[in-house]
Amino acid sequence: MKNLGGDADIARQAVLALVEAAAKAQPSGKQNTFAAFNLPDLVLVEISSRNLAVSYANAFLKPAKSGYELTVMEAAIHQLAEYAGKLNKAYAPGSRPGLLECGR
C-alpha cells in the first residue's frame, strides 16, 4: 500500500491479479513427462497480521480417500479445511484462511 500511495483499491486489484496469475501459470518444463496442463482445484490464500509460517501437511497424515459421496480431490479439500480450522482455533495465529475451490 505504501508503494501505491495508500490506494487500497489498486492494492486489492494487484493482489487478486497475482493470485490469479499464480493459479493459472503453465510452466513449460517436462510437459510431456507430467502432462501438467490442469488448473488447480483449490487455491489456499491466508491473510494474517502476523508473519507466522504454517504448514498444513499434517492434514494428510491420514490419506484422503474417495467414497460414494466424494472424489479424492473433494475429500482432500474437506480434510484440509477441517485441519486448517482446528489449527487456527488451537494456536490462534490470527490468520483468516480462505479456501477457493475452482471449477465447482
N, C-alpha and C. Protein backbone atom coordinates (compact mmCIF):
# COMPACT_ATOMS: atom_id res chain seq x y z
N MET A 1 0.83 -1.18 0.00
CA MET A 1 0.00 0.00 0.00
C MET A 1 0.88 1.25 0.00
N LYS A 2 1.98 1.18 0.75
CA LYS A 2 2.86 2.34 0.83
C LYS A 2 3.40 2.70 -0.56
N ASN A 3 3.79 1.66 -1.33
CA ASN A 3 4.32 1.90 -2.67
C ASN A 3 3.25 2.36 -3.65
N LEU A 4 1.99 2.16 -3.31
CA LEU A 4 0.89 2.54 -4.19
C LEU A 4 0.20 3.81 -3.70
N GLY A 5 0.87 4.58 -2.87
CA GLY A 5 0.32 5.83 -2.38
C GLY A 5 -0.88 5.64 -1.48
N GLY A 6 -0.97 4.47 -0.82
CA GLY A 6 -2.07 4.21 0.10
C GLY A 6 -3.38 3.84 -0.58
N ASP A 7 -3.35 3.59 -1.88
CA ASP A 7 -4.57 3.27 -2.63
C ASP A 7 -4.96 1.81 -2.40
N ALA A 8 -5.93 1.57 -1.54
CA ALA A 8 -6.36 0.22 -1.18
C ALA A 8 -6.98 -0.51 -2.36
N ASP A 9 -7.69 0.19 -3.23
CA ASP A 9 -8.34 -0.45 -4.37
C ASP A 9 -7.30 -1.00 -5.34
N ILE A 10 -6.27 -0.23 -5.63
CA ILE A 10 -5.21 -0.70 -6.53
C ILE A 10 -4.46 -1.87 -5.88
N ALA A 11 -4.21 -1.80 -4.58
CA ALA A 11 -3.53 -2.89 -3.88
C ALA A 11 -4.36 -4.16 -3.95
N ARG A 12 -5.68 -4.06 -3.76
CA ARG A 12 -6.56 -5.22 -3.83
C ARG A 12 -6.52 -5.83 -5.23
N GLN A 13 -6.58 -4.98 -6.25
CA GLN A 13 -6.53 -5.46 -7.63
C GLN A 13 -5.20 -6.16 -7.92
N ALA A 14 -4.11 -5.61 -7.39
CA ALA A 14 -2.79 -6.20 -7.60
C ALA A 14 -2.68 -7.58 -6.95
N VAL A 15 -3.19 -7.70 -5.74
CA VAL A 15 -3.15 -8.99 -5.05
C VAL A 15 -3.99 -10.02 -5.79
N LEU A 16 -5.19 -9.63 -6.20
CA LEU A 16 -6.06 -10.55 -6.96
C LEU A 16 -5.40 -10.98 -8.26
N ALA A 17 -4.75 -10.05 -8.95
CA ALA A 17 -4.06 -10.38 -10.20
C ALA A 17 -2.90 -11.34 -9.95
N LEU A 18 -2.16 -11.13 -8.86
CA LEU A 18 -1.06 -12.02 -8.52
C LEU A 18 -1.55 -13.44 -8.22
N VAL A 19 -2.61 -13.55 -7.43
CA VAL A 19 -3.16 -14.87 -7.10
C VAL A 19 -3.67 -15.57 -8.36
N GLU A 20 -4.37 -14.83 -9.21
CA GLU A 20 -4.87 -15.42 -10.45
C GLU A 20 -3.73 -15.88 -11.36
N ALA A 21 -2.70 -15.05 -11.49
CA ALA A 21 -1.56 -15.41 -12.34
C ALA A 21 -0.84 -16.65 -11.80
N ALA A 22 -0.67 -16.72 -10.49
CA ALA A 22 -0.01 -17.88 -9.89
C ALA A 22 -0.83 -19.15 -10.11
N ALA A 23 -2.15 -19.04 -10.01
CA ALA A 23 -3.01 -20.21 -10.17
C ALA A 23 -3.06 -20.68 -11.62
N LYS A 24 -2.96 -19.74 -12.55
CA LYS A 24 -3.11 -20.10 -13.96
C LYS A 24 -1.78 -20.30 -14.70
N ALA A 25 -0.66 -20.14 -13.99
CA ALA A 25 0.64 -20.30 -14.64
C ALA A 25 0.78 -21.71 -15.20
N GLN A 26 1.32 -21.79 -16.40
CA GLN A 26 1.53 -23.07 -17.06
C GLN A 26 3.02 -23.22 -17.38
N PRO A 27 3.81 -23.72 -16.42
CA PRO A 27 5.24 -23.90 -16.69
C PRO A 27 5.45 -24.81 -17.90
N SER A 28 6.47 -24.53 -18.67
CA SER A 28 6.68 -25.29 -19.90
C SER A 28 7.57 -26.52 -19.73
N GLY A 29 8.29 -26.61 -18.63
CA GLY A 29 9.21 -27.73 -18.46
C GLY A 29 8.52 -29.06 -18.21
N LYS A 30 9.04 -30.13 -18.81
CA LYS A 30 8.61 -31.52 -18.59
C LYS A 30 7.12 -31.75 -18.86
N GLN A 31 6.52 -31.01 -19.77
CA GLN A 31 5.10 -31.19 -20.05
C GLN A 31 4.80 -32.58 -20.61
N ASN A 32 5.68 -33.11 -21.42
CA ASN A 32 5.44 -34.45 -21.98
C ASN A 32 5.54 -35.53 -20.91
N THR A 33 6.36 -35.30 -19.91
CA THR A 33 6.53 -36.28 -18.84
C THR A 33 5.39 -36.26 -17.85
N PHE A 34 4.94 -35.07 -17.48
CA PHE A 34 3.97 -34.95 -16.40
C PHE A 34 2.55 -34.58 -16.85
N ALA A 35 2.38 -34.15 -18.10
CA ALA A 35 1.06 -33.74 -18.61
C ALA A 35 0.34 -32.83 -17.62
N ALA A 36 1.02 -31.79 -17.19
CA ALA A 36 0.52 -30.93 -16.12
C ALA A 36 -0.22 -29.71 -16.64
N PHE A 37 -1.16 -29.90 -17.55
CA PHE A 37 -1.90 -28.77 -18.08
C PHE A 37 -3.18 -28.47 -17.30
N ASN A 38 -3.42 -29.22 -16.25
CA ASN A 38 -4.64 -28.98 -15.48
C ASN A 38 -4.46 -27.80 -14.52
N LEU A 39 -5.54 -27.03 -14.37
CA LEU A 39 -5.53 -25.91 -13.43
C LEU A 39 -5.81 -26.43 -12.03
N PRO A 40 -5.45 -25.68 -11.00
CA PRO A 40 -5.65 -26.18 -9.64
C PRO A 40 -7.14 -26.29 -9.29
N ASP A 41 -7.46 -27.29 -8.50
CA ASP A 41 -8.82 -27.44 -7.99
C ASP A 41 -9.03 -26.61 -6.73
N LEU A 42 -7.95 -26.18 -6.14
CA LEU A 42 -8.04 -25.42 -4.90
C LEU A 42 -6.89 -24.43 -4.82
N VAL A 43 -7.18 -23.26 -4.31
CA VAL A 43 -6.15 -22.26 -4.02
C VAL A 43 -6.38 -21.84 -2.57
N LEU A 44 -5.35 -21.93 -1.74
CA LEU A 44 -5.45 -21.52 -0.34
C LEU A 44 -4.76 -20.18 -0.19
N VAL A 45 -5.50 -19.20 0.27
CA VAL A 45 -4.97 -17.86 0.49
C VAL A 45 -5.19 -17.52 1.96
N GLU A 46 -4.17 -17.05 2.63
CA GLU A 46 -4.29 -16.65 4.02
C GLU A 46 -3.93 -15.19 4.18
N ILE A 47 -4.71 -14.52 4.99
CA ILE A 47 -4.44 -13.13 5.32
C ILE A 47 -4.14 -13.09 6.82
N SER A 48 -2.99 -12.56 7.17
CA SER A 48 -2.59 -12.55 8.57
C SER A 48 -1.83 -11.28 8.89
N SER A 49 -2.06 -10.79 10.08
CA SER A 49 -1.30 -9.62 10.54
C SER A 49 0.05 -10.04 11.10
N ARG A 50 0.23 -11.33 11.32
CA ARG A 50 1.50 -11.87 11.84
C ARG A 50 2.23 -12.63 10.76
N ASN A 51 3.53 -12.59 10.78
CA ASN A 51 4.34 -13.32 9.82
C ASN A 51 4.69 -14.68 10.42
N LEU A 52 3.71 -15.58 10.43
CA LEU A 52 3.86 -16.90 11.05
C LEU A 52 3.79 -17.98 9.98
N ALA A 53 4.87 -18.71 9.82
CA ALA A 53 4.90 -19.80 8.84
C ALA A 53 4.05 -20.96 9.36
N VAL A 54 3.13 -21.45 8.54
CA VAL A 54 2.24 -22.53 8.93
C VAL A 54 2.24 -23.57 7.81
N SER A 55 2.37 -24.83 8.18
CA SER A 55 2.27 -25.92 7.22
C SER A 55 1.02 -26.73 7.53
N TYR A 56 0.31 -27.08 6.47
CA TYR A 56 -0.89 -27.90 6.63
C TYR A 56 -0.65 -29.34 6.18
N ALA A 57 0.60 -29.73 6.07
CA ALA A 57 0.94 -31.07 5.61
C ALA A 57 0.35 -32.15 6.50
N ASN A 58 0.26 -31.89 7.81
CA ASN A 58 -0.28 -32.90 8.72
C ASN A 58 -1.76 -33.17 8.51
N ALA A 59 -2.42 -32.38 7.70
CA ALA A 59 -3.82 -32.64 7.37
C ALA A 59 -3.96 -33.98 6.66
N PHE A 60 -2.86 -34.45 6.08
CA PHE A 60 -2.91 -35.67 5.28
C PHE A 60 -2.10 -36.81 5.87
N LEU A 61 -1.90 -36.77 7.21
CA LEU A 61 -1.27 -37.93 7.85
C LEU A 61 -2.13 -39.17 7.63
N LYS A 62 -3.43 -38.95 7.63
CA LYS A 62 -4.38 -39.98 7.20
C LYS A 62 -4.77 -39.61 5.78
N PRO A 63 -4.40 -40.41 4.79
CA PRO A 63 -4.66 -40.03 3.40
C PRO A 63 -6.15 -39.81 3.11
N ALA A 64 -6.42 -38.85 2.25
CA ALA A 64 -7.79 -38.60 1.80
C ALA A 64 -8.21 -39.76 0.91
N LYS A 65 -9.45 -40.18 1.06
CA LYS A 65 -9.95 -41.31 0.27
C LYS A 65 -11.27 -40.95 -0.37
N SER A 66 -11.47 -41.48 -1.55
CA SER A 66 -12.75 -41.27 -2.22
C SER A 66 -13.79 -42.20 -1.61
N GLY A 67 -15.01 -41.86 -1.84
CA GLY A 67 -16.11 -42.69 -1.34
C GLY A 67 -17.31 -42.51 -2.24
N TYR A 68 -18.44 -42.92 -1.76
CA TYR A 68 -19.66 -42.82 -2.55
C TYR A 68 -20.03 -41.37 -2.83
N GLU A 69 -19.81 -40.50 -1.86
CA GLU A 69 -20.22 -39.10 -1.98
C GLU A 69 -19.14 -38.17 -2.52
N LEU A 70 -17.86 -38.48 -2.26
CA LEU A 70 -16.78 -37.55 -2.58
C LEU A 70 -15.69 -38.19 -3.42
N THR A 71 -15.11 -37.40 -4.33
CA THR A 71 -13.90 -37.84 -5.03
C THR A 71 -12.72 -37.66 -4.08
N VAL A 72 -11.56 -38.16 -4.45
CA VAL A 72 -10.36 -37.96 -3.62
C VAL A 72 -10.06 -36.47 -3.49
N MET A 73 -10.23 -35.72 -4.58
CA MET A 73 -9.96 -34.28 -4.52
C MET A 73 -10.92 -33.59 -3.55
N GLU A 74 -12.19 -33.89 -3.63
CA GLU A 74 -13.17 -33.27 -2.73
C GLU A 74 -12.90 -33.66 -1.28
N ALA A 75 -12.55 -34.92 -1.04
CA ALA A 75 -12.24 -35.37 0.32
C ALA A 75 -11.00 -34.64 0.85
N ALA A 76 -10.01 -34.45 -0.01
CA ALA A 76 -8.78 -33.75 0.40
C ALA A 76 -9.07 -32.30 0.75
N ILE A 77 -9.93 -31.65 -0.03
CA ILE A 77 -10.28 -30.26 0.23
C ILE A 77 -10.99 -30.14 1.58
N HIS A 78 -11.92 -31.04 1.84
CA HIS A 78 -12.63 -31.02 3.12
C HIS A 78 -11.68 -31.29 4.28
N GLN A 79 -10.78 -32.25 4.08
CA GLN A 79 -9.81 -32.60 5.12
C GLN A 79 -8.90 -31.42 5.43
N LEU A 80 -8.43 -30.73 4.39
CA LEU A 80 -7.56 -29.57 4.58
C LEU A 80 -8.31 -28.44 5.29
N ALA A 81 -9.54 -28.18 4.89
CA ALA A 81 -10.32 -27.11 5.51
C ALA A 81 -10.56 -27.40 6.99
N GLU A 82 -10.87 -28.64 7.31
CA GLU A 82 -11.11 -29.02 8.70
C GLU A 82 -9.84 -28.86 9.54
N TYR A 83 -8.71 -29.32 9.00
CA TYR A 83 -7.45 -29.23 9.72
C TYR A 83 -7.02 -27.77 9.91
N ALA A 84 -7.17 -26.96 8.87
CA ALA A 84 -6.80 -25.54 8.97
C ALA A 84 -7.63 -24.85 10.03
N GLY A 85 -8.91 -25.17 10.09
CA GLY A 85 -9.78 -24.59 11.11
C GLY A 85 -9.36 -24.99 12.52
N LYS A 86 -9.04 -26.27 12.70
CA LYS A 86 -8.60 -26.75 14.02
C LYS A 86 -7.28 -26.10 14.43
N LEU A 87 -6.35 -26.02 13.49
CA LEU A 87 -5.04 -25.43 13.79
C LEU A 87 -5.20 -23.96 14.15
N ASN A 88 -6.02 -23.26 13.40
CA ASN A 88 -6.24 -21.84 13.67
C ASN A 88 -6.90 -21.63 15.03
N LYS A 89 -7.84 -22.51 15.36
CA LYS A 89 -8.51 -22.40 16.66
C LYS A 89 -7.56 -22.73 17.81
N ALA A 90 -6.73 -23.77 17.64
CA ALA A 90 -5.83 -24.20 18.71
C ALA A 90 -4.71 -23.19 18.97
N TYR A 91 -4.15 -22.64 17.91
CA TYR A 91 -3.00 -21.76 18.07
C TYR A 91 -3.32 -20.29 17.85
N ALA A 92 -4.50 -20.02 17.35
CA ALA A 92 -4.94 -18.64 17.08
C ALA A 92 -3.85 -17.79 16.44
N PRO A 93 -3.33 -18.23 15.28
CA PRO A 93 -2.27 -17.43 14.66
C PRO A 93 -2.77 -16.13 14.07
N GLY A 94 -4.06 -15.89 14.10
CA GLY A 94 -4.58 -14.62 13.61
C GLY A 94 -4.80 -14.58 12.12
N SER A 95 -4.67 -15.71 11.44
CA SER A 95 -4.89 -15.72 10.00
C SER A 95 -6.34 -16.03 9.70
N ARG A 96 -6.74 -15.65 8.52
CA ARG A 96 -8.08 -15.98 8.04
C ARG A 96 -7.90 -16.83 6.79
N PRO A 97 -7.85 -18.17 6.94
CA PRO A 97 -7.66 -19.00 5.75
C PRO A 97 -8.88 -18.94 4.85
N GLY A 98 -8.63 -18.88 3.58
CA GLY A 98 -9.73 -18.89 2.62
C GLY A 98 -9.46 -19.95 1.58
N LEU A 99 -10.32 -20.94 1.50
CA LEU A 99 -10.17 -21.99 0.51
C LEU A 99 -11.01 -21.61 -0.69
N LEU A 100 -10.38 -21.44 -1.83
CA LEU A 100 -11.09 -21.10 -3.05
C LEU A 100 -11.16 -22.32 -3.93
N GLU A 101 -12.33 -22.93 -4.02
CA GLU A 101 -12.48 -24.11 -4.85
C GLU A 101 -12.76 -23.66 -6.27
N CYS A 102 -11.97 -24.13 -7.18
CA CYS A 102 -12.12 -23.74 -8.58
C CYS A 102 -12.95 -24.80 -9.32
N GLY A 103 -13.73 -24.36 -10.26
CA GLY A 103 -14.50 -25.28 -11.09
C GLY A 103 -15.61 -25.99 -10.38
N ARG A 104 -16.09 -25.45 -9.28
CA ARG A 104 -17.17 -26.11 -8.54
C ARG A 104 -18.36 -25.20 -8.47
